[in-house]
Protein backbone atom coordinates (compact mmCIF):
# COMPACT_ATOMS: atom_id res chain seq x y z
CA MET A 1 104.91 -39.21 8.13
CA LYS A 2 105.79 -37.30 10.70
CA HIS A 3 104.34 -37.00 14.49
CA ARG A 4 104.67 -33.97 16.59
CA ARG A 5 103.98 -35.39 19.69
CA PRO A 6 103.21 -38.96 21.22
CA VAL A 7 99.42 -38.99 19.64
CA ARG A 8 97.81 -42.49 20.58
CA GLY A 9 96.61 -41.01 23.98
CA VAL A 10 95.07 -37.97 22.08
CA LEU A 11 93.98 -40.50 19.76
CA SER A 12 91.72 -42.58 22.19
CA ARG A 13 89.92 -39.64 23.14
CA ILE A 14 88.46 -38.37 20.08
CA ARG A 15 84.70 -38.36 19.61
CA LEU A 16 84.55 -35.60 16.86
CA PHE A 17 86.21 -35.94 13.66
CA ALA A 18 86.13 -32.90 11.35
CA THR A 19 87.91 -32.11 7.77
CA ASP A 20 88.27 -29.65 4.99
CA VAL A 21 87.26 -30.55 1.88
CA ASP A 22 89.10 -29.05 -1.29
CA GLY A 23 92.55 -30.86 -1.04
CA VAL A 24 91.54 -33.24 1.80
CA LEU A 25 88.92 -35.29 0.76
CA THR A 26 89.50 -34.36 -3.14
CA ASP A 27 93.06 -34.28 -4.89
CA ALA A 28 92.70 -30.21 -4.27
CA GLY A 29 91.44 -30.41 -8.45
CA MET A 30 88.91 -28.36 -9.71
CA TYR A 31 87.34 -30.17 -13.13
CA TYR A 32 84.98 -27.57 -15.69
CA THR A 33 83.51 -28.64 -18.75
CA GLU A 34 82.58 -26.72 -21.14
CA SER A 35 79.37 -25.75 -20.13
CA GLY A 36 80.37 -25.26 -16.82
CA ASP A 37 79.87 -28.72 -15.03
CA GLU A 38 82.38 -29.01 -11.72
CA PHE A 39 83.64 -32.06 -11.07
CA LYS A 40 85.55 -32.99 -8.12
CA LYS A 41 87.24 -36.82 -7.14
CA PHE A 42 86.80 -38.53 -4.01
CA ASN A 43 88.09 -41.12 -2.81
CA THR A 44 85.84 -44.36 -1.70
CA ARG A 45 88.50 -45.23 1.04
CA ASP A 46 87.95 -42.15 2.40
CA GLY A 47 84.04 -42.70 2.60
CA MET A 48 84.58 -45.92 4.30
CA GLY A 49 86.47 -44.50 6.50
CA ILE A 50 84.01 -41.84 7.72
CA LYS A 51 81.13 -44.44 8.29
CA LEU A 52 83.75 -46.85 10.11
CA LEU A 53 84.21 -43.37 12.75
CA GLN A 54 80.17 -43.26 12.64
CA ARG A 55 79.74 -46.71 13.56
CA ALA A 56 82.19 -46.38 16.13
CA GLY A 57 80.22 -43.82 17.61
CA LEU A 58 82.25 -40.32 16.56
CA ILE A 59 80.50 -37.15 15.51
CA THR A 60 81.61 -36.31 11.88
CA ALA A 61 81.75 -33.14 10.20
CA LEU A 62 82.66 -31.19 6.56
CA ILE A 63 84.38 -27.19 7.09
CA THR A 64 84.94 -26.50 3.82
CA GLN A 65 85.36 -22.37 2.54
CA GLU A 66 83.87 -23.32 -0.66
CA GLU A 67 80.02 -23.80 -1.42
CA THR A 68 78.94 -26.73 -3.74
CA LYS A 69 76.35 -29.01 -4.66
CA LEU A 70 78.90 -31.66 -4.89
CA VAL A 71 79.96 -31.41 -1.35
CA ALA A 72 76.54 -31.02 0.10
CA ARG A 73 75.88 -34.31 -1.87
CA ARG A 74 78.69 -36.10 -0.70
CA GLY A 75 77.76 -34.79 2.89
CA GLU A 76 74.42 -36.67 2.38
CA LYS A 77 75.60 -39.88 0.87
CA LEU A 78 77.89 -40.30 3.72
CA THR A 79 75.43 -39.04 6.29
CA ILE A 80 77.58 -37.06 7.79
CA PRO A 81 75.45 -34.71 10.07
CA GLU A 82 77.54 -32.06 10.45
CA VAL A 83 78.16 -30.56 6.82
CA HIS A 84 79.46 -26.33 7.16
CA GLN A 85 80.41 -24.43 3.34
CA ARG A 86 81.25 -21.19 2.94
CA VAL A 87 82.81 -20.63 6.02
CA HIS A 88 85.74 -18.20 6.48
CA ASP A 89 86.33 -19.12 10.66
CA LYS A 90 86.81 -22.73 10.78
CA LEU A 91 87.77 -22.55 14.47
CA ARG A 92 84.53 -20.64 15.00
CA THR A 93 82.57 -23.04 13.27
CA LEU A 94 84.40 -26.12 15.04
CA ARG A 95 84.12 -24.79 18.40
CA ASP A 96 80.40 -24.55 18.17
CA ILE A 97 79.85 -27.90 16.65
CA ALA A 98 82.14 -28.99 19.24
CA ALA A 99 79.78 -27.11 22.05
CA ARG A 100 76.83 -28.06 20.36
CA HIS A 101 77.63 -31.37 21.19
CA GLY A 102 79.23 -31.03 24.70
CA LEU A 103 82.66 -31.64 23.48
CA THR A 104 85.88 -30.13 24.34
CA LEU A 105 88.69 -29.15 21.48
CA GLY A 106 90.80 -31.84 22.83
CA GLU A 107 88.18 -34.30 22.03
CA VAL A 108 88.42 -33.39 18.39
CA ALA A 109 90.32 -34.39 15.76
CA TYR A 110 91.14 -31.65 12.18
CA MET A 111 92.27 -32.70 9.01
CA GLY A 112 93.25 -29.41 6.73
CA ASP A 113 95.71 -28.78 4.24
CA ASP A 114 95.75 -24.79 3.78
CA VAL A 115 96.54 -21.30 5.10
CA ASN A 116 93.10 -21.23 6.23
CA ASP A 117 93.00 -24.16 8.19
CA LEU A 118 95.52 -23.21 10.21
CA GLU A 119 93.65 -22.01 12.94
CA ALA A 120 91.46 -24.97 13.28
CA LEU A 121 94.34 -27.34 13.29
CA LYS A 122 96.51 -25.52 15.70
CA ALA A 123 93.02 -25.41 18.33
CA ALA A 124 92.19 -29.21 17.72
CA GLY A 125 92.68 -32.00 20.66
CA PHE A 126 94.47 -33.56 17.36
CA SER A 127 95.47 -32.64 14.06
CA ALA A 128 96.61 -33.87 10.71
CA THR A 129 97.14 -32.64 7.32
CA PRO A 130 97.36 -34.93 3.73
CA ALA A 131 101.43 -35.14 2.37
CA ASP A 132 100.99 -32.50 0.49
CA GLY A 133 99.52 -29.92 2.75
CA ILE A 134 101.36 -26.59 2.33
CA PRO A 135 104.94 -26.58 4.15
CA SER A 136 103.21 -24.10 7.11
CA VAL A 137 100.47 -26.72 7.99
CA GLN A 138 102.91 -29.47 7.79
CA ARG A 139 104.85 -27.72 10.34
CA ALA A 140 101.98 -26.66 12.26
CA VAL A 141 100.12 -30.19 12.53
CA ASP A 142 100.68 -33.46 14.99
CA TYR A 143 100.76 -35.74 12.26
CA VAL A 144 101.51 -35.49 8.43
CA CYS A 145 99.97 -38.36 6.41
CA ARG A 146 101.82 -41.06 4.38
CA ARG A 147 99.09 -40.36 1.50
CA GLN A 148 97.79 -36.96 -0.59
CA GLY A 149 94.79 -35.60 -0.56
CA GLY A 150 91.92 -37.57 -2.20
CA GLU A 151 94.31 -40.51 -2.05
CA GLY A 152 93.12 -42.09 1.09
CA CYS A 153 94.46 -40.00 3.52
CA VAL A 154 91.52 -39.34 5.69
CA ARG A 155 91.41 -43.13 5.87
CA GLU A 156 94.48 -43.57 7.12
CA VAL A 157 93.60 -41.04 10.06
CA VAL A 158 90.61 -42.89 10.82
CA ASP A 159 92.65 -46.22 11.08
CA MET A 160 94.91 -44.58 13.63
CA ILE A 161 91.79 -42.75 15.70
CA LEU A 162 90.43 -46.58 15.99
CA ALA A 163 93.88 -48.34 16.85
CA ALA A 164 94.00 -46.07 19.66
CA GLN A 165 90.37 -46.74 20.42
CA ALA A 166 91.77 -50.33 20.32
CA ARG A 167 88.64 -51.07 18.11
CA SER A 168 89.74 -53.08 14.52
CA THR A 169 87.82 -51.50 11.51
CA GLU A 170 86.25 -54.79 10.81
CA ASP A 171 84.95 -55.06 14.07
CA VAL A 172 83.05 -51.56 13.58
CA TRP A 173 82.25 -52.65 10.02
CA ALA A 174 80.56 -55.44 11.72
CA SER A 175 78.88 -53.79 14.81
CA ARG A 176 76.45 -52.63 13.27
CA LYS A 177 75.03 -54.06 10.32
CA GLY A 178 72.53 -52.18 8.35
CA ASP A 179 73.82 -48.99 8.10
CA GLY A 180 76.12 -47.82 5.61
């Protein structure tokens, strides 16, 4: 875990959490069967983290260069309002999402793990990468997680955001029963 700058104050202002998919929400593996079916492993604790952010009133987003039914289904299952696939300019997409919601990039947290995430990571108010993010990304972000991609790194950052906003995960979960 590495902090590049004091993050508690920054995290207290976050209103939008956006993340890449492959390598952050997954272990970066792409699994194929003989018949061509594709599989990805998602971590349920990361999914719960996204639900907690939503219950706390934050906007959640997925931004990925890939385009798969799996990502669409995961976004649907987690009721993520902003699912953007086949994106080659992630910063532009991040700016568009923030603008539509009346936010500045300073109110955005972004997680990514590879070179195609660098511009968005550098522009976001808070940036993080999994423990196994590539070295140039690790050097560019505000926070390098203890956990690897697909192994709960998103939940790690979610817990940091909620703590900085003086909210416990238990209180957030209990605050709006019935959804999720």
